[in-house]
Amino acid sequence: MILRLKEAAGTDTRTLARFCGVTAGFFMNAQTSTMCTALLTDIEGAEEWADLGRERRRRATAHPDGD
């Protein structure tokens, strides 16, 4: 999977890092931790985008009334 992502990105490594970091941050849970951890460790620069993914997940799952 990582190799295919790198091949698809070609020389656009910044976009690859952002995509992988945001995706891993958003989808990280017990079932996806191995795949998400691989994205964050094997794609240079991905870790710096993980917080954005986590924030997007928090917003997506937040209740509108604040609960």
C-alpha atoms as a PDB file:
ATOM      1  CA  MET A   1       0.000   0.000   0.000  1.00  0.00           C
ATOM      2  CA  ILE A   2       2.741   2.460   0.929  1.00  0.00           C
ATOM      3  CA  LEU A   3       4.658   1.760  -2.270  1.00  0.00           C
ATOM      4  CA  ARG A   4       1.554   2.340  -4.385  1.00  0.00           C
ATOM      5  CA  LEU A   5       0.859   5.647  -2.647  1.00  0.00           C
ATOM      6  CA  LYS A   6       4.440   6.764  -3.239  1.00  0.00           C
ATOM      7  CA  GLU A   7       4.242   5.727  -6.885  1.00  0.00           C
ATOM      8  CA  ALA A   8       0.952   7.580  -7.331  1.00  0.00           C
ATOM      9  CA  ALA A   9       2.361  10.735  -5.733  1.00  0.00           C
ATOM     10  CA  GLY A  10       5.498  10.738  -7.837  1.00  0.00           C
ATOM     11  CA  THR A  11       7.457  13.845  -6.939  1.00  0.00           C
ATOM     12  CA  ASP A  12       4.568  15.494  -5.058  1.00  0.00           C
ATOM     13  CA  THR A  13       5.790  14.383  -1.641  1.00  0.00           C
ATOM     14  CA  ARG A  14       4.183  17.269   0.278  1.00  0.00           C
ATOM     15  CA  THR A  15       0.705  16.330  -0.917  1.00  0.00           C
ATOM     16  CA  LEU A  16       1.415  12.679  -0.147  1.00  0.00           C
ATOM     17  CA  ALA A  17       2.511  13.570   3.386  1.00  0.00           C
ATOM     18  CA  ARG A  18      -0.578  15.700   3.962  1.00  0.00           C
ATOM     19  CA  PHE A  19      -2.954  13.076   2.586  1.00  0.00           C
ATOM     20  CA  CYS A  20      -1.412  10.260   4.624  1.00  0.00           C
ATOM     21  CA  GLY A  21      -1.116  12.275   7.827  1.00  0.00           C
ATOM     22  CA  VAL A  22      -4.668  13.630   7.735  1.00  0.00           C
ATOM     23  CA  THR A  23      -6.063  10.224   6.777  1.00  0.00           C
ATOM     24  CA  ALA A  24      -4.161   8.418   9.519  1.00  0.00           C
ATOM     25  CA  GLY A  25      -5.099  11.018  12.120  1.00  0.00           C
ATOM     26  CA  PHE A  26      -8.769  10.849  11.188  1.00  0.00           C
ATOM     27  CA  PHE A  27      -9.089   7.069  10.982  1.00  0.00           C
ATOM     28  CA  MET A  28      -6.736   5.950  13.790  1.00  0.00           C
ATOM     29  CA  ASN A  29      -8.469   3.495  16.122  1.00  0.00           C
ATOM     30  CA  ALA A  30      -7.918  -0.017  17.484  1.00  0.00           C
ATOM     31  CA  GLN A  31      -8.883  -1.659  14.198  1.00  0.00           C
ATOM     32  CA  THR A  32      -6.781   0.596  11.948  1.00  0.00           C
ATOM     33  CA  SER A  33      -3.779   1.327  14.156  1.00  0.00           C
ATOM     34  CA  THR A  34      -1.315  -0.878  12.253  1.00  0.00           C
ATOM     35  CA  MET A  35      -2.130   0.678   8.887  1.00  0.00           C
ATOM     36  CA  CYS A  36      -2.332   4.229  10.226  1.00  0.00           C
ATOM     37  CA  THR A  37       0.936   3.866  12.136  1.00  0.00           C
ATOM     38  CA  ALA A  38       2.615   2.628   8.954  1.00  0.00           C
ATOM     39  CA  LEU A  39       1.388   5.707   7.098  1.00  0.00           C
ATOM     40  CA  LEU A  40       2.734   7.995   9.798  1.00  0.00           C
ATOM     41  CA  THR A  41       6.114   6.291  10.090  1.00  0.00           C
ATOM     42  CA  ASP A  42       6.797   5.319   6.467  1.00  0.00           C
ATOM     43  CA  ILE A  43       5.699   8.532   4.748  1.00  0.00           C
ATOM     44  CA  GLU A  44       8.103  11.351   5.475  1.00  0.00           C
ATOM     45  CA  GLY A  45       6.285  14.417   6.816  1.00  0.00           C
ATOM     46  CA  ALA A  46       2.979  12.644   7.459  1.00  0.00           C
ATOM     47  CA  GLU A  47       3.165  12.909  11.243  1.00  0.00           C
ATOM     48  CA  GLU A  48       2.990  16.707  11.129  1.00  0.00           C
ATOM     49  CA  TRP A  49      -0.475  16.440   9.489  1.00  0.00           C
ATOM     50  CA  ALA A  50      -1.950  13.867  11.893  1.00  0.00           C
ATOM     51  CA  ASP A  51      -3.268  16.469  14.333  1.00  0.00           C
ATOM     52  CA  LEU A  52      -5.332  18.033  11.555  1.00  0.00           C
ATOM     53  CA  GLY A  53      -6.922  14.638  10.890  1.00  0.00           C
ATOM     54  CA  ARG A  54      -7.615  14.132  14.590  1.00  0.00           C
ATOM     55  CA  GLU A  55      -9.241  17.559  14.803  1.00  0.00           C
ATOM     56  CA  ARG A  56     -11.390  16.829  11.782  1.00  0.00           C
ATOM     57  CA  ARG A  57     -12.524  13.554  13.359  1.00  0.00           C
ATOM     58  CA  ARG A  58     -13.313  15.332  16.623  1.00  0.00           C
ATOM     59  CA  ARG A  59     -15.434  17.883  14.766  1.00  0.00           C
ATOM     60  CA  ALA A  60     -17.135  15.236  12.650  1.00  0.00           C
ATOM     61  CA  THR A  61     -18.163  13.217  15.687  1.00  0.00           C
ATOM     62  CA  ALA A  62     -19.006  16.114  18.012  1.00  0.00           C
ATOM     63  CA  HIS A  63     -22.633  16.530  18.982  1.00  0.00           C
ATOM     64  CA  PRO A  64     -24.153  19.859  17.907  1.00  0.00           C
ATOM     65  CA  ASP A  65     -25.474  20.505  21.419  1.00  0.00           C
ATOM     66  CA  GLY A  66     -21.993  20.125  22.933  1.00  0.00           C
ATOM     67  CA  ASP A  67     -22.464  16.694  24.520  1.00  0.00           C
END
